[in-house]
Protein backbone atom coordinates (compact mmCIF):
# COMPACT_ATOMS: atom_id res chain seq x y z
CA MET A 1 0.00 0.00 0.00
CA THR A 2 1.22 3.51 -0.72
CA SER A 3 -1.71 5.70 0.29
CA SER A 4 -1.03 9.36 0.92
CA ILE A 5 -1.18 10.75 4.44
CA PRO A 6 -2.69 14.09 5.43
CA VAL A 7 -0.40 16.90 6.51
CA ALA A 8 0.22 16.79 10.24
CA PRO A 9 -0.80 19.65 12.57
CA THR A 10 1.67 21.90 14.31
CA ILE A 11 4.17 19.97 16.39
CA ALA A 12 3.74 20.00 20.15
CA PRO A 13 6.64 22.03 21.59
CA THR A 14 7.42 19.38 24.22
CA ILE A 15 8.81 17.14 21.48
CA ALA A 16 11.62 19.52 20.59
CA PRO A 17 15.15 18.81 21.83
CA ASP A 18 16.86 21.43 24.01
CA SER A 19 18.87 22.56 20.98
CA GLY A 20 20.55 21.20 17.91
CA ALA A 21 24.12 20.08 18.39
CA THR A 22 27.26 21.12 16.56
CA VAL A 23 28.63 18.07 14.71
CA GLU A 24 32.22 17.86 13.47
CA LEU A 25 34.16 15.21 11.63
CA VAL A 26 37.86 16.07 11.81
CA GLY A 27 40.29 14.09 9.66
CA VAL A 28 38.12 10.97 9.91
CA VAL A 29 39.63 7.84 8.40
CA LYS A 30 37.92 4.48 7.96
CA ASN A 31 39.53 1.45 6.34
CA PHE A 32 37.97 -1.84 5.30
CA GLY A 33 41.05 -3.99 4.86
CA ALA A 34 43.15 -2.40 2.11
CA HIS A 35 40.27 -0.18 0.99
CA ARG A 36 40.08 3.33 2.45
CA ALA A 37 36.38 4.16 2.66
CA LEU A 38 36.87 7.57 4.32
CA ASN A 39 40.02 9.50 3.56
CA GLU A 40 40.54 12.21 6.19
CA ILE A 41 37.01 13.61 6.00
CA ASP A 42 36.48 17.10 7.42
CA LEU A 43 32.91 18.32 7.92
CA ARG A 44 31.34 20.82 10.31
CA ILE A 45 27.56 21.00 10.76
CA ALA A 46 26.05 23.94 12.62
CA PRO A 47 23.33 23.52 15.26
CA GLY A 48 19.97 22.95 13.57
CA GLU A 49 21.49 22.61 10.11
CA PHE A 50 20.26 20.03 7.57
CA VAL A 51 23.19 18.58 5.61
CA ALA A 52 22.88 15.95 2.89
CA LEU A 53 25.68 13.55 1.98
CA LEU A 54 25.29 12.91 -1.75
CA GLY A 55 27.19 10.63 -4.06
CA PRO A 56 27.22 7.38 -6.04
CA SER A 57 27.30 3.93 -4.49
CA GLY A 58 30.61 3.23 -2.77
CA CYS A 59 31.57 6.90 -2.30
CA GLY A 60 31.63 6.64 1.51
CA LYS A 61 28.47 8.54 2.44
CA THR A 62 26.82 5.72 4.42
CA THR A 63 30.14 4.86 6.05
CA ALA A 64 30.43 8.48 7.20
CA LEU A 65 26.93 8.31 8.69
CA ARG A 66 27.63 4.99 10.42
CA ALA A 67 30.89 6.38 11.81
CA LEU A 68 29.00 9.39 13.13
CA SER A 69 26.42 7.14 14.78
CA GLY A 70 29.00 4.80 16.30
CA LEU A 71 27.97 1.79 14.22
CA GLU A 72 31.44 1.87 12.60
CA LEU A 73 34.62 2.46 14.60
CA ILE A 74 37.00 4.87 12.90
CA ASP A 75 40.70 4.30 12.25
CA GLY A 76 41.74 7.91 12.64
CA GLY A 77 40.50 11.42 13.31
CA ARG A 78 37.88 12.75 15.69
CA ILE A 79 34.08 12.92 15.85
CA LEU A 80 32.90 15.85 17.95
CA ILE A 81 29.42 16.58 19.30
CA ASP A 82 29.36 20.07 20.79
CA GLY A 83 33.13 19.89 21.03
CA VAL A 84 33.25 16.55 22.86
CA ASP A 85 35.04 13.68 21.09
CA VAL A 86 32.61 10.75 20.96
CA ALA A 87 34.67 8.45 18.72
CA SER A 88 34.95 5.90 21.54
CA VAL A 89 31.41 6.45 22.91
CA PRO A 90 28.88 3.64 22.25
CA THR A 91 26.02 4.28 19.84
CA ASN A 92 23.36 4.33 22.55
CA LYS A 93 25.23 7.06 24.44
CA ARG A 94 25.58 9.53 21.55
CA ASP A 95 22.09 11.09 21.81
CA MET A 96 21.25 10.47 18.16
CA GLY A 97 18.09 9.29 16.42
CA MET A 98 18.43 7.10 13.33
CA VAL A 99 16.10 6.23 10.46
CA PHE A 100 17.19 3.61 7.93
CA GLN A 101 16.09 2.63 4.44
CA SER A 102 14.36 -0.43 5.86
CA TYR A 103 11.60 0.50 8.29
CA SER A 104 12.78 -2.00 10.93
CA LEU A 105 9.52 -1.91 12.87
CA PHE A 106 8.79 -4.69 15.36
CA PRO A 107 6.01 -6.67 13.65
CA HIS A 108 4.43 -7.83 16.94
CA MET A 109 4.05 -4.24 18.19
CA THR A 110 1.54 -1.58 17.24
CA ALA A 111 2.67 1.76 15.84
CA ILE A 112 2.56 3.44 19.25
CA GLU A 113 4.37 0.55 20.92
CA ASN A 114 7.12 0.83 18.30
CA VAL A 115 7.44 4.54 19.02
CA GLU A 116 7.49 3.92 22.78
CA PHE A 117 10.25 1.33 22.55
CA GLY A 118 13.21 3.69 22.97
CA LEU A 119 11.53 5.37 25.92
CA ARG A 120 10.87 2.00 27.54
CA MET A 121 14.58 1.17 27.23
CA ARG A 122 15.32 4.48 28.98
CA LYS A 123 12.98 3.54 31.86
CA VAL A 124 10.58 6.42 31.15
CA ALA A 125 7.39 6.14 33.22
CA THR A 126 4.38 4.62 31.46
CA ALA A 127 2.19 7.73 31.48
CA GLU A 128 4.92 10.02 30.15
CA ARG A 129 5.96 7.38 27.64
CA ARG A 130 2.45 7.16 26.19
CA THR A 131 2.06 10.96 26.09
CA ARG A 132 5.35 11.49 24.27
CA ALA A 133 4.65 8.65 21.82
CA LEU A 134 1.26 10.14 20.93
CA GLU A 135 2.89 13.54 20.42
CA ALA A 136 5.46 11.97 18.11
CA LEU A 137 2.76 10.22 16.08
CA GLU A 138 0.85 13.49 15.86
CA MET A 139 4.02 15.09 14.55
CA VAL A 140 4.06 12.71 11.58
CA GLY A 141 0.28 12.72 11.06
CA LEU A 142 -0.40 9.19 12.31
CA THR A 143 -2.37 9.62 15.54
CA THR A 144 -5.34 7.66 14.16
CA PHE A 145 -3.02 4.79 13.18
CA ALA A 146 -1.54 4.35 16.66
CA GLU A 147 -3.03 0.89 17.28
CA ARG A 148 -2.23 -0.58 13.88
CA PHE A 149 0.48 -3.18 13.36
CA ALA A 150 3.20 -2.76 10.73
CA HIS A 151 1.49 -5.03 8.19
CA GLN A 152 -1.59 -2.79 8.39
CA LEU A 153 0.39 0.29 7.35
CA SER A 154 1.62 1.42 3.93
CA GLY A 155 5.34 1.83 3.26
CA GLY A 156 5.13 5.58 3.74
CA GLN A 157 3.22 5.16 6.99
CA GLN A 158 5.75 2.64 8.31
CA GLN A 159 8.58 5.03 7.56
CA ARG A 160 6.72 7.81 9.39
CA VAL A 161 6.45 5.54 12.42
CA ALA A 162 10.20 4.93 12.18
CA LEU A 163 10.76 8.70 12.05
CA ALA A 164 8.52 9.24 15.10
CA ARG A 165 10.43 6.50 16.94
CA ALA A 166 13.73 8.26 16.18
CA LEU A 167 12.44 11.63 17.37
CA VAL A 168 10.50 10.62 20.49
CA THR A 169 13.70 10.35 22.57
CA ARG A 170 14.43 14.01 21.75
CA PRO A 171 17.87 13.47 20.24
CA ARG A 172 20.02 16.45 19.37
CA VAL A 173 21.17 14.84 16.11
CA LEU A 174 19.00 13.01 13.55
CA LEU A 175 20.64 10.61 11.08
CA LEU A 176 18.72 9.53 7.98
CA ASP A 177 20.21 6.76 5.82
CA GLU A 178 18.39 6.78 2.47
CA PRO A 179 15.02 6.65 4.28
CA LEU A 180 12.94 7.26 1.15
CA SER A 181 14.49 4.96 -1.45
CA ALA A 182 12.06 2.07 -0.83
CA LEU A 183 8.97 4.24 -1.46
CA ASP A 184 7.20 5.05 -4.71
CA ALA A 185 7.75 8.46 -6.30
CA LYS A 186 4.68 10.32 -5.03
CA VAL A 187 4.96 9.10 -1.43
CA ARG A 188 8.71 9.77 -1.51
CA VAL A 189 8.12 13.45 -2.32
CA GLN A 190 5.39 13.74 0.33
CA LEU A 191 7.57 12.26 3.06
CA ARG A 192 10.62 14.22 1.93
CA ASP A 193 8.71 17.46 2.40
CA GLU A 194 7.36 16.28 5.78
CA ILE A 195 10.87 15.44 7.01
CA ARG A 196 12.06 18.91 6.08
CA ARG A 197 9.05 20.54 7.76
CA ILE A 198 9.56 18.56 10.98
CA GLN A 199 13.30 19.22 11.01
CA THR A 200 12.77 22.95 10.55
CA GLU A 201 10.19 23.15 13.33
CA LEU A 202 12.29 21.12 15.76
CA GLY A 203 15.60 22.79 14.90
CA ILE A 204 17.37 19.45 15.13
CA THR A 205 20.78 18.97 13.52
CA THR A 206 20.23 16.49 10.68
CA VAL A 207 22.46 14.42 8.39
CA PHE A 208 20.68 12.88 5.40
CA VAL A 209 22.36 10.29 3.16
CA THR A 210 21.08 9.87 -0.39
CA HIS A 211 22.22 9.04 -3.91
CA ASP A 212 19.27 11.02 -5.32
CA GLN A 213 20.40 14.51 -6.25
CA GLU A 214 16.84 15.85 -6.47
CA GLU A 215 16.20 14.80 -2.85
CA ALA A 216 19.42 16.37 -1.65
CA LEU A 217 18.89 19.66 -3.46
CA ALA A 218 15.25 19.88 -2.35
CA VAL A 219 15.67 19.46 1.40
CA ALA A 220 19.20 20.33 2.51
CA ASP A 221 20.66 23.60 3.72
CA ARG A 222 24.00 22.37 2.40
CA VAL A 223 25.01 19.34 0.34
CA ALA A 224 28.35 17.52 0.58
CA VAL A 225 29.12 15.72 -2.67
CA MET A 226 31.30 12.68 -1.98
CA ARG A 227 33.53 10.63 -4.24
CA ASP A 228 36.00 7.86 -3.37
CA GLY A 229 35.95 8.60 0.35
CA VAL A 230 36.45 12.35 0.14
CA ILE A 231 34.19 15.40 -0.05
CA GLU A 232 34.59 16.91 -3.52
CA GLN A 233 32.57 20.02 -2.65
CA ILE A 234 30.17 21.22 0.00
CA GLY A 235 27.82 24.15 -0.41
CA THR A 236 24.23 25.24 -0.75
CA PRO A 237 22.20 23.53 -3.48
CA GLU A 238 22.43 26.74 -5.52
CA GLU A 239 26.23 26.91 -5.16
CA LEU A 240 26.71 23.30 -6.23
CA TYR A 241 24.50 23.70 -9.26
CA THR A 242 25.67 27.08 -10.51
CA THR A 243 29.34 27.00 -9.48
CA PRO A 244 30.54 23.38 -9.35
CA ARG A 245 34.24 23.34 -8.50
CA THR A 246 35.03 20.05 -10.23
CA PRO A 247 33.82 18.25 -13.38
CA PHE A 248 32.58 15.41 -11.16
CA VAL A 249 30.26 17.75 -9.25
CA ALA A 250 29.11 19.39 -12.49
CA ASN A 251 28.33 15.97 -13.95
CA PHE A 252 26.74 14.46 -10.83
CA VAL A 253 24.61 17.39 -9.68
CA GLY A 254 22.07 18.15 -12.37
CA LEU A 255 22.43 17.44 -16.08
CA SER A 256 25.42 18.60 -18.11
CA ASN A 257 26.39 18.45 -21.76
CA ARG A 258 30.00 17.68 -22.62
CA LEU A 259 31.40 19.92 -25.34
CA ALA A 260 34.89 20.07 -26.81
CA GLY A 261 36.60 23.37 -26.14
CA GLU A 262 39.93 25.15 -25.95
CA HIS A 263 41.22 26.65 -22.70
CA SER A 264 43.43 29.72 -22.56
CA LYS A 265 44.20 31.80 -19.46
CA GLY A 266 40.95 31.09 -17.59
CA THR A 267 38.67 31.23 -20.61
CA VAL A 268 37.18 28.27 -22.46
CA THR A 269 36.18 28.72 -26.08
CA VAL A 270 33.29 26.41 -27.03
CA GLN A 271 31.61 26.53 -30.42
CA GLY A 272 32.83 30.10 -30.86
CA ALA A 273 31.62 31.28 -27.44
CA ARG A 274 34.15 32.45 -24.83
CA LEU A 275 33.18 31.16 -21.35
CA GLU A 276 34.75 31.76 -17.96
CA LEU A 277 36.33 28.69 -16.35
CA LEU A 278 35.06 27.58 -12.91
CA GLY A 279 37.13 25.70 -10.37
CA ASP A 280 40.87 25.10 -10.28
CA PRO A 281 43.16 26.50 -13.01
CA LEU A 282 43.88 24.28 -16.01
CA PRO A 283 46.79 24.23 -18.43
CA ASP A 284 46.09 25.87 -21.77
CA GLY A 285 44.93 23.45 -24.44
CA PRO A 286 42.03 21.16 -25.39
CA VAL A 287 39.37 20.62 -22.70
CA THR A 288 35.91 19.14 -22.29
CA ALA A 289 33.47 21.75 -21.00
CA TYR A 290 30.35 20.91 -18.94
CA VAL A 291 27.41 23.04 -20.13
CA ARG A 292 23.96 22.92 -18.47
CA PRO A 293 20.95 22.19 -20.74
CA GLU A 294 19.29 25.48 -19.76
CA ASP A 295 22.45 27.39 -20.77
CA ILE A 296 21.87 26.51 -24.44
CA THR A 297 19.10 28.34 -26.28
CA PHE A 298 17.52 28.26 -29.72
CA ALA A 299 18.52 31.15 -31.99
CA ALA A 300 17.85 32.53 -35.45
CA ARG A 301 21.45 31.77 -36.36
CA GLY A 302 24.39 30.08 -34.69
CA ILE A 303 25.38 26.46 -34.09
CA ALA A 304 23.57 24.22 -36.59
CA ALA A 305 21.93 21.08 -35.18
CA THR A 306 19.28 18.51 -36.02
CA VAL A 307 16.51 17.66 -33.57
CA VAL A 308 16.59 14.03 -32.38
CA SER A 309 13.73 14.07 -29.87
CA SER A 310 11.73 16.39 -27.62
CA SER A 311 10.07 15.45 -24.32
CA PHE A 312 7.35 17.28 -22.41
CA LEU A 313 8.21 17.45 -18.68
CA GLY A 314 5.35 19.54 -17.33
CA SER A 315 6.77 22.98 -16.64
CA LEU A 316 9.52 22.61 -19.25
CA ARG A 317 10.55 20.68 -22.33
CA ARG A 318 13.85 18.86 -22.90
CA THR A 319 15.03 18.53 -26.49
CA GLN A 320 17.94 16.43 -27.72
CA VAL A 321 19.82 17.59 -30.80
CA ARG A 322 22.76 16.31 -32.83
CA LEU A 323 25.57 18.58 -34.02
CA ALA A 324 27.43 18.17 -37.31
CA ASP A 325 30.25 16.30 -35.50
CA ASP A 326 27.69 13.83 -34.03
CA THR A 327 27.80 15.40 -30.54
CA LEU A 328 24.46 14.97 -28.77
CA LEU A 329 23.19 17.89 -26.69
CA SER A 330 20.24 18.30 -24.33
CA ILE A 331 18.47 21.66 -24.25
CA GLN A 332 16.00 22.66 -21.54
CA HIS A 333 13.48 25.25 -22.65
CA GLU A 334 9.92 26.59 -22.41
CA VAL A 335 7.08 24.24 -23.35
CA GLU A 336 5.71 26.59 -26.01
CA THR A 337 8.68 25.77 -28.29
CA ARG A 338 8.04 22.35 -29.83
CA PRO A 339 10.88 21.22 -32.11
CA GLN A 340 10.11 18.21 -34.29
CA PRO A 341 12.46 15.25 -34.91
CA GLY A 342 14.53 15.88 -38.03
CA GLU A 343 14.04 19.66 -37.88
CA LEU A 344 17.11 21.83 -38.51
CA VAL A 345 17.65 24.35 -35.69
CA HIS A 346 20.32 26.82 -34.58
CA LEU A 347 21.69 27.20 -31.07
CA LYS A 348 23.74 29.60 -28.99
CA LEU A 349 25.42 29.41 -25.59
CA ARG A 350 24.23 31.87 -22.97
CA GLY A 351 27.77 32.61 -21.80
CA VAL A 352 27.47 31.11 -18.30
CA PRO A 353 30.79 30.05 -16.68
CA VAL A 354 31.61 26.34 -17.02
CA SER A 355 33.60 23.57 -15.40
CA ALA A 356 36.06 21.74 -17.62
CA VAL A 357 38.55 18.91 -17.65
CA VAL A 358 41.66 18.47 -19.79
CA ARG A 359 40.77 16.46 -22.88
CA SER A 360 42.98 13.44 -23.47
């Protein structure tokens, strides 16, 4: 089942933690045999900040989260919570709530019993335990589902119960390990927005692991793009998209076209257009430039191309064209323009700065 869930009312203030914590990873190293999964990671998260760890499978993002939670012991560096090194502190002493991809609900317990579980382990009195569990379920819009068992709930509802269970203990740090990847598209967006709403209202420091760039850009204050155990770039979603510092970030965050160009003294010439180079300096010579689909427009004259296909995407249209040298380009444009396959068109570059890599 994947039924939608109504928006929850305002969160009861008693649920909120005292304050979000400052989280720091300082030179964190984690090895699995000869493989270095985390290579001297440095990351500072401000109190109440929502940071997403984004990257492909095997980049180290989940390992970083597990190291932060205490589920993985680190081989070097420090993990600080409000300035206190917790690298040797057990998971259950780190004051963190965790939500995983799998819902991990106890099947023999009702929703409210699942939410109460952490409080029961902390010896919280029965009356207070029930009150706080109901408040947590209200927070995620599931008060009327309190007495249902896991098999009586949809996937989205089960994940909301898991979120309530993580928050009911009032942790100062919330860790989310790809919590939406098992849900269908519509429910995923609904729950994504609910997580962001709850996090904002609670002011809880949150680390969110995902391989889905749309999720990361939609919910996070800042996004750390990871590759091969290091952070390639961290910044706001807008910074990552408009000023990627490396070709990997330009290629991984959003869509990019790859165009042959020539670099000279900080300027890349592509199809006759002179574009500013982003990121680290490059030697003069041939490069591959990364150009966003929305930074190419149709024109009365310019670069000749033949339309291959055009797709309607709701608020915009994406058209693929082929240049004379067989290069395929994607162009993102208004829906009113409807190029037809086989049609001859002309293009121009808007002149937006680009990332580039030396062409071999």
